[in-house]
């Protein structure tokens, strides 16, 4: 199990790195709330340029969190929830491990 977890963590590192940026989190939130959006729509009402959003979308795409599809003359970007689901699963494993560790510490201190 330890070996499989280590493999999972290595594969998830780009996801966690991508989630570590405020702009990228905002892009993911908008895609999650509003569905597929073009770069033009993603930059509306934002202080972020189209070029910056494009770079952030590339990072998110490389991490498997978004993908683009052609819609007429423009590309639209949509959320790929699989990457987030895997990250959430790994965080739940860590949470259980911490809970187990704290329970053992509590039992040791109380004994």
Protein backbone atom coordinates (compact mmCIF):
# COMPACT_ATOMS: atom_id res chain seq x y z
CA UNK A 1 0.00 0.00 0.00
CA UNK A 2 2.83 2.42 0.85
CA UNK A 3 4.36 1.94 -2.59
CA UNK A 4 1.00 2.57 -4.33
CA UNK A 5 0.44 5.70 -2.24
CA UNK A 6 3.89 7.02 -3.14
CA UNK A 7 3.12 6.47 -6.82
CA UNK A 8 -0.23 8.25 -6.41
CA UNK A 9 1.42 11.22 -4.71
CA UNK A 10 4.01 11.63 -7.44
CA UNK A 11 1.31 11.56 -10.07
CA UNK A 12 -0.74 14.11 -8.15
CA UNK A 13 2.05 16.60 -7.53
CA UNK A 14 1.19 18.66 -10.66
CA UNK A 15 -2.42 18.86 -9.47
CA UNK A 16 -1.43 20.20 -6.06
CA UNK A 17 1.07 22.59 -7.65
CA UNK A 18 -1.61 23.88 -10.02
CA UNK A 19 -4.04 24.36 -7.14
CA UNK A 20 -1.46 26.44 -5.29
CA UNK A 21 -2.17 29.59 -7.28
CA UNK A 22 -5.01 32.02 -6.53
CA UNK A 23 -5.69 32.85 -10.19
CA UNK A 24 -5.87 29.18 -11.17
CA UNK A 25 -8.22 28.46 -8.26
CA UNK A 26 -10.42 31.29 -9.48
CA UNK A 27 -10.43 29.90 -13.02
CA UNK A 28 -11.41 26.45 -11.71
CA UNK A 29 -14.15 27.95 -9.57
CA UNK A 30 -15.62 29.84 -12.53
CA UNK A 31 -15.52 26.76 -14.74
CA UNK A 32 -17.16 24.74 -11.99
CA UNK A 33 -19.92 27.29 -11.46
CA UNK A 34 -20.52 28.46 -15.02
CA UNK A 35 -19.50 25.50 -17.16
CA UNK A 36 -17.32 25.70 -20.27
CA UNK A 37 -16.00 29.21 -20.98
CA UNK A 38 -13.81 30.90 -23.55
CA UNK A 39 -10.68 32.79 -22.55
CA UNK A 40 -12.57 36.01 -23.30
CA UNK A 41 -15.30 35.05 -20.81
CA UNK A 42 -12.72 33.91 -18.25
CA UNK A 43 -10.99 37.30 -18.32
CA UNK A 44 -14.17 39.40 -18.14
CA UNK A 45 -14.30 41.45 -14.95
CA UNK A 46 -10.81 40.33 -14.01
CA UNK A 47 -7.51 42.12 -13.61
CA UNK A 48 -5.77 39.21 -15.35
CA UNK A 49 -4.79 39.50 -19.03
CA UNK A 50 -5.76 37.00 -21.70
CA UNK A 51 -2.11 35.99 -22.02
CA UNK A 52 -1.88 35.30 -18.28
CA UNK A 53 -5.12 33.30 -18.27
CA UNK A 54 -3.83 31.30 -21.24
CA UNK A 55 -0.66 30.43 -19.31
CA UNK A 56 -2.68 29.44 -16.24
CA UNK A 57 -4.99 27.30 -18.36
CA UNK A 58 -1.94 25.50 -19.78
CA UNK A 59 -0.76 24.66 -16.26
CA UNK A 60 -4.25 23.43 -15.34
CA UNK A 61 -4.45 21.38 -18.55
CA UNK A 62 -1.01 19.83 -17.93
CA UNK A 63 -2.26 18.82 -14.47
CA UNK A 64 -5.36 17.23 -16.02
CA UNK A 65 -7.78 19.67 -14.39
CA UNK A 66 -9.16 21.35 -17.54
CA UNK A 67 -9.31 20.70 -21.25
CA UNK A 68 -10.22 22.75 -24.26
CA UNK A 69 -12.64 22.01 -27.05
CA UNK A 70 -13.47 23.89 -30.21
CA UNK A 71 -16.84 25.67 -30.21
CA UNK A 72 -17.27 27.43 -33.52
CA UNK A 73 -14.40 29.87 -33.94
CA UNK A 74 -13.16 29.79 -30.37
CA UNK A 75 -11.82 27.36 -27.84
CA UNK A 76 -13.81 26.82 -24.70
CA UNK A 77 -12.31 25.40 -21.54
CA UNK A 78 -14.07 22.97 -19.28
CA UNK A 79 -13.35 21.43 -15.93
CA UNK A 80 -12.04 17.86 -15.79
CA UNK A 81 -13.14 16.68 -12.34
CA UNK A 82 -11.10 13.47 -12.36
CA UNK A 83 -7.91 15.25 -11.23
CA UNK A 84 -9.72 16.95 -8.38
CA UNK A 85 -11.35 13.69 -7.36
CA UNK A 86 -7.96 11.98 -7.10
CA UNK A 87 -6.49 14.88 -5.09
CA UNK A 88 -9.46 14.76 -2.74
CA UNK A 89 -9.03 11.01 -2.27
CA UNK A 90 -5.37 11.46 -1.38
CA UNK A 91 -6.19 14.25 1.08
CA UNK A 92 -8.74 11.97 2.74
CA UNK A 93 -6.03 9.32 3.16
CA UNK A 94 -3.74 11.87 4.80
CA UNK A 95 -6.58 13.02 7.05
CA UNK A 96 -7.24 9.46 8.21
CA UNK A 97 -3.53 8.94 8.85
CA UNK A 98 -3.39 12.09 10.98
CA UNK A 99 -6.50 11.03 12.88
CA UNK A 100 -4.93 7.62 13.57
CA UNK A 101 -1.68 9.24 14.70
CA UNK A 102 -3.49 11.64 17.03
CA UNK A 103 -5.56 8.78 18.46
CA UNK A 104 -2.37 6.81 19.21
CA UNK A 105 -0.78 9.89 20.81
CA UNK A 106 -3.89 10.50 22.92
CA UNK A 107 -3.94 6.86 24.07
CA UNK A 108 -0.22 7.06 24.93
CA UNK A 109 -0.62 10.29 26.92
CA UNK A 110 -3.66 9.00 28.78
CA UNK A 111 -2.01 5.70 29.73
